[in-house]
C-alpha atoms as a PDB file:
ATOM      1  CA  MET A   1     171.657 202.613 119.657  1.00  0.00           C
ATOM      2  CA  VAL A   2     168.798 202.960 117.087  1.00  0.00           C
ATOM      3  CA  ALA A   3     168.192 205.943 115.537  1.00  0.00           C
ATOM      4  CA  ALA A   4     164.712 207.514 115.646  1.00  0.00           C
ATOM      5  CA  GLY A   5     162.910 207.907 112.433  1.00  0.00           C
ATOM      6  CA  PRO A   6     163.834 206.431 108.888  1.00  0.00           C
ATOM      7  CA  MET A   7     167.589 206.909 108.207  1.00  0.00           C
ATOM      8  CA  ASN A   8     168.723 207.638 104.489  1.00  0.00           C
ATOM      9  CA  GLU A   9     165.257 207.990 103.422  1.00  0.00           C
ATOM     10  CA  SER A  10     164.539 210.923 101.262  1.00  0.00           C
ATOM     11  CA  GLU A  11     161.417 213.109 102.760  1.00  0.00           C
ATOM     12  CA  VAL A  12     159.484 216.008 101.525  1.00  0.00           C
ATOM     13  CA  LEU A  13     160.217 219.058 103.378  1.00  0.00           C
ATOM     14  CA  ILE A  14     158.736 221.661 101.416  1.00  0.00           C
ATOM     15  CA  GLU A  15     156.431 221.473  98.399  1.00  0.00           C
ATOM     16  CA  LEU A  16     155.593 224.368  96.535  1.00  0.00           C
ATOM     17  CA  GLY A  17     152.745 224.528  93.710  1.00  0.00           C
ATOM     18  CA  ALA A  18     152.967 226.556  90.742  1.00  0.00           C
ATOM     19  CA  GLU A  19     151.234 227.285  87.345  1.00  0.00           C
ATOM     20  CA  GLY A  20     152.477 224.555  85.351  1.00  0.00           C
ATOM     21  CA  GLY A  21     154.682 222.833  87.703  1.00  0.00           C
ATOM     22  CA  SER A  22     156.045 222.324  91.194  1.00  0.00           C
ATOM     23  CA  ILE A  23     159.386 222.922  93.477  1.00  0.00           C
ATOM     24  CA  ALA A  24     160.165 220.572  96.171  1.00  0.00           C
ATOM     25  CA  LEU A  25     162.942 220.474  98.653  1.00  0.00           C
ATOM     26  CA  TYR A  26     163.623 217.092  99.911  1.00  0.00           C
ATOM     27  CA  GLY A  27     165.618 216.074 102.990  1.00  0.00           C
ATOM     28  CA  ILE A  28     167.723 213.258 104.330  1.00  0.00           C
ATOM     29  CA  ARG A  29     168.449 212.482 107.840  1.00  0.00           C
ATOM     30  CA  THR A  30     171.899 211.341 108.256  1.00  0.00           C
ATOM     31  CA  GLN A  31     174.004 210.689 111.320  1.00  0.00           C
ATOM     32  CA  GLY A  32     175.536 214.121 110.979  1.00  0.00           C
ATOM     33  CA  GLY A  33     172.368 216.284 110.233  1.00  0.00           C
ATOM     34  CA  TRP A  34     170.304 216.680 107.137  1.00  0.00           C
ATOM     35  CA  LEU A  35     171.187 216.585 103.409  1.00  0.00           C
ATOM     36  CA  PHE A  36     169.089 218.707 101.131  1.00  0.00           C
ATOM     37  CA  SER A  37     168.097 218.676  97.454  1.00  0.00           C
ATOM     38  CA  ARG A  38     165.643 220.552  95.137  1.00  0.00           C
ATOM     39  CA  LYS A  39     163.174 218.795  92.426  1.00  0.00           C
ATOM     40  CA  VAL A  40     161.617 221.060  89.852  1.00  0.00           C
ATOM     41  CA  ILE A  41     158.734 219.547  87.699  1.00  0.00           C
ATOM     42  CA  ASP A  42     157.441 221.822  84.657  1.00  0.00           C
ATOM     43  CA  TRP A  43     154.477 220.088  82.938  1.00  0.00           C
ATOM     44  CA  THR A  44     154.191 222.756  80.302  1.00  0.00           C
ATOM     45  CA  PRO A  45     155.753 220.433  77.611  1.00  0.00           C
ATOM     46  CA  GLU A  46     152.717 217.974  78.174  1.00  0.00           C
ATOM     47  CA  LEU A  47     150.649 221.056  76.245  1.00  0.00           C
ATOM     48  CA  ILE A  48     152.561 219.946  73.191  1.00  0.00           C
ATOM     49  CA  ASP A  49     152.542 215.934  73.963  1.00  0.00           C
ATOM     50  CA  GLU A  50     156.066 215.899  75.258  1.00  0.00           C
ATOM     51  CA  GLU A  51     157.494 214.647  78.469  1.00  0.00           C
ATOM     52  CA  PRO A  52     157.363 217.092  81.622  1.00  0.00           C
ATOM     53  CA  MET A  53     160.736 218.234  82.345  1.00  0.00           C
ATOM     54  CA  ARG A  54     162.434 217.231  85.873  1.00  0.00           C
ATOM     55  CA  ARG A  55     165.380 218.618  87.166  1.00  0.00           C
ATOM     56  CA  LYS A  56     167.033 217.733  90.438  1.00  0.00           C
ATOM     57  CA  SER A  57     169.692 219.861  92.108  1.00  0.00           C
ATOM     58  CA  ALA A  58     172.895 218.629  93.646  1.00  0.00           C
ATOM     59  CA  ILE A  59     172.972 217.545  97.131  1.00  0.00           C
ATOM     60  CA  VAL A  60     173.935 220.056  99.948  1.00  0.00           C
ATOM     61  CA  ASP A  61     174.414 219.769 103.695  1.00  0.00           C
ATOM     62  CA  SER A  62     173.247 223.204 105.206  1.00  0.00           C
ATOM     63  CA  TRP A  63     169.966 224.782 105.723  1.00  0.00           C
ATOM     64  CA  GLU A  64     171.482 227.935 104.247  1.00  0.00           C
ATOM     65  CA  ALA A  65     172.562 226.204 101.004  1.00  0.00           C
ATOM     66  CA  ALA A  66     169.110 224.635 100.790  1.00  0.00           C
ATOM     67  CA  LEU A  67     167.650 228.000 100.706  1.00  0.00           C
ATOM     68  CA  GLU A  68     170.014 229.224  98.069  1.00  0.00           C
ATOM     69  CA  LEU A  69     168.659 226.173  95.980  1.00  0.00           C
ATOM     70  CA  LEU A  70     165.187 227.595  96.503  1.00  0.00           C
ATOM     71  CA  ASP A  71     166.213 231.247  95.886  1.00  0.00           C
ATOM     72  CA  GLN A  72     167.005 230.291  92.430  1.00  0.00           C
ATOM     73  CA  TYR A  73     163.490 230.701  91.740  1.00  0.00           C
ATOM     74  CA  PRO A  74     160.846 233.361  93.357  1.00  0.00           C
ATOM     75  CA  TRP A  75     159.759 230.289  95.576  1.00  0.00           C
ATOM     76  CA  PHE A  76     158.083 232.482  98.522  1.00  0.00           C
ATOM     77  CA  LYS A  77     155.565 233.742  96.049  1.00  0.00           C
ATOM     78  CA  LEU A  78     154.510 230.100  95.294  1.00  0.00           C
ATOM     79  CA  TYR A  79     151.676 228.170  97.134  1.00  0.00           C
ATOM     80  CA  PRO A  80     152.894 225.786  99.714  1.00  0.00           C
ATOM     81  CA  THR A  81     151.099 222.307  99.491  1.00  0.00           C
ATOM     82  CA  PHE A  82     153.200 220.642 102.312  1.00  0.00           C
ATOM     83  CA  ILE A  83     155.853 222.094 104.939  1.00  0.00           C
ATOM     84  CA  HIS A  84     157.380 219.163 107.103  1.00  0.00           C
ATOM     85  CA  PRO A  85     156.380 219.872 110.596  1.00  0.00           C
ATOM     86  CA  ASP A  86     160.142 220.046 111.665  1.00  0.00           C
ATOM     87  CA  PHE A  87     160.943 222.612 109.183  1.00  0.00           C
ATOM     88  CA  ARG A  88     157.832 225.239 109.868  1.00  0.00           C
ATOM     89  CA  GLN A  89     159.668 227.859 111.651  1.00  0.00           C
ATOM     90  CA  LYS A  90     162.671 227.904 109.622  1.00  0.00           C
ATOM     91  CA  VAL A  91     160.551 228.228 106.610  1.00  0.00           C
ATOM     92  CA  TRP A  92     158.572 230.907 108.172  1.00  0.00           C
ATOM     93  CA  SER A  93     161.479 232.799 108.946  1.00  0.00           C
ATOM     94  CA  ALA A  94     162.969 232.432 105.449  1.00  0.00           C
ATOM     95  CA  VAL A  95     159.655 233.613 103.891  1.00  0.00           C
ATOM     96  CA  GLN A  96     159.581 236.765 106.207  1.00  0.00           C
ATOM     97  CA  GLU A  97     163.068 238.026 105.163  1.00  0.00           C
ATOM     98  CA  ARG A  98     162.272 237.375 101.590  1.00  0.00           C
ATOM     99  CA  LEU A  99     158.718 239.092 101.383  1.00  0.00           C
ATOM    100  CA  HIS A 100     159.752 242.004 103.689  1.00  0.00           C
ATOM    101  CA  ASN A 101     162.722 242.397 101.254  1.00  0.00           C
ATOM    102  CA  ASN A 102     160.209 242.634  98.472  1.00  0.00           C
ATOM    103  CA  SER A 103     158.575 245.661  97.451  1.00  0.00           C
ATOM    104  CA  GLU A 104     155.529 243.887  96.095  1.00  0.00           C
ATOM    105  CA  THR A 105     154.740 242.641  99.454  1.00  0.00           C
ATOM    106  CA  LEU A 106     151.133 241.491  99.949  1.00  0.00           C
ATOM    107  CA  GLU A 107     149.643 240.907 103.428  1.00  0.00           C
ATOM    108  CA  LEU A 108     147.833 237.923 101.885  1.00  0.00           C
ATOM    109  CA  GLU A 109     151.143 236.182 100.996  1.00  0.00           C
ATOM    110  CA  LEU A 110     152.457 236.679 104.625  1.00  0.00           C
ATOM    111  CA  LYS A 111     149.026 235.232 106.072  1.00  0.00           C
ATOM    112  CA  ARG A 112     149.218 232.283 103.534  1.00  0.00           C
ATOM    113  CA  TRP A 113     152.562 231.258 104.680  1.00  0.00           C
ATOM    114  CA  HIS A 114     151.877 232.096 108.198  1.00  0.00           C
ATOM    115  CA  ASP A 115     148.724 229.814 108.189  1.00  0.00           C
ATOM    116  CA  PHE A 116     150.944 227.022 106.622  1.00  0.00           C
ATOM    117  CA  CYS A 117     153.822 227.312 108.951  1.00  0.00           C
ATOM    118  CA  SER A 118     151.936 227.577 112.081  1.00  0.00           C
ATOM    119  CA  PRO A 119     151.914 224.280 114.218  1.00  0.00           C
ATOM    120  CA  HIS A 120     148.491 222.546 113.537  1.00  0.00           C
END
C-alpha cells in the first residue's frame, strides 16, 4: 500500500514573521502520525555584520508538545505568513485560547488569525 503524500519530508506547518526574524513549526508525516520541530531565525546580528542566529528545537511527537515549543515565545502575537491547510483549525483553536487568556487581546489580532485560519 502506498501512503498518500510525501513521507519523512519536512513541511512548514506554521510560519510567523516578527520584526527581526521568524518562527516556524515544521512537521514530518510518519506512519504513526506527525513529528514536530520549531525553528527560530533571528536576523538582528546581521545589523552588525554577523550571521543570523538559527535555533532548532528537539523533535516532539504530539500537537500539545508542538504548542509547548511555540509557547516559549509569544507566537500568537506575531504575524502568520503561512499556515498548512491541515492545521488551520488546530492553530485557530490554540490562538483563541491564548488571546482570550491575554488581557491585551485586540479584536484586530483575532480577526487577523481568523482570516488566516479560515479555509480559502
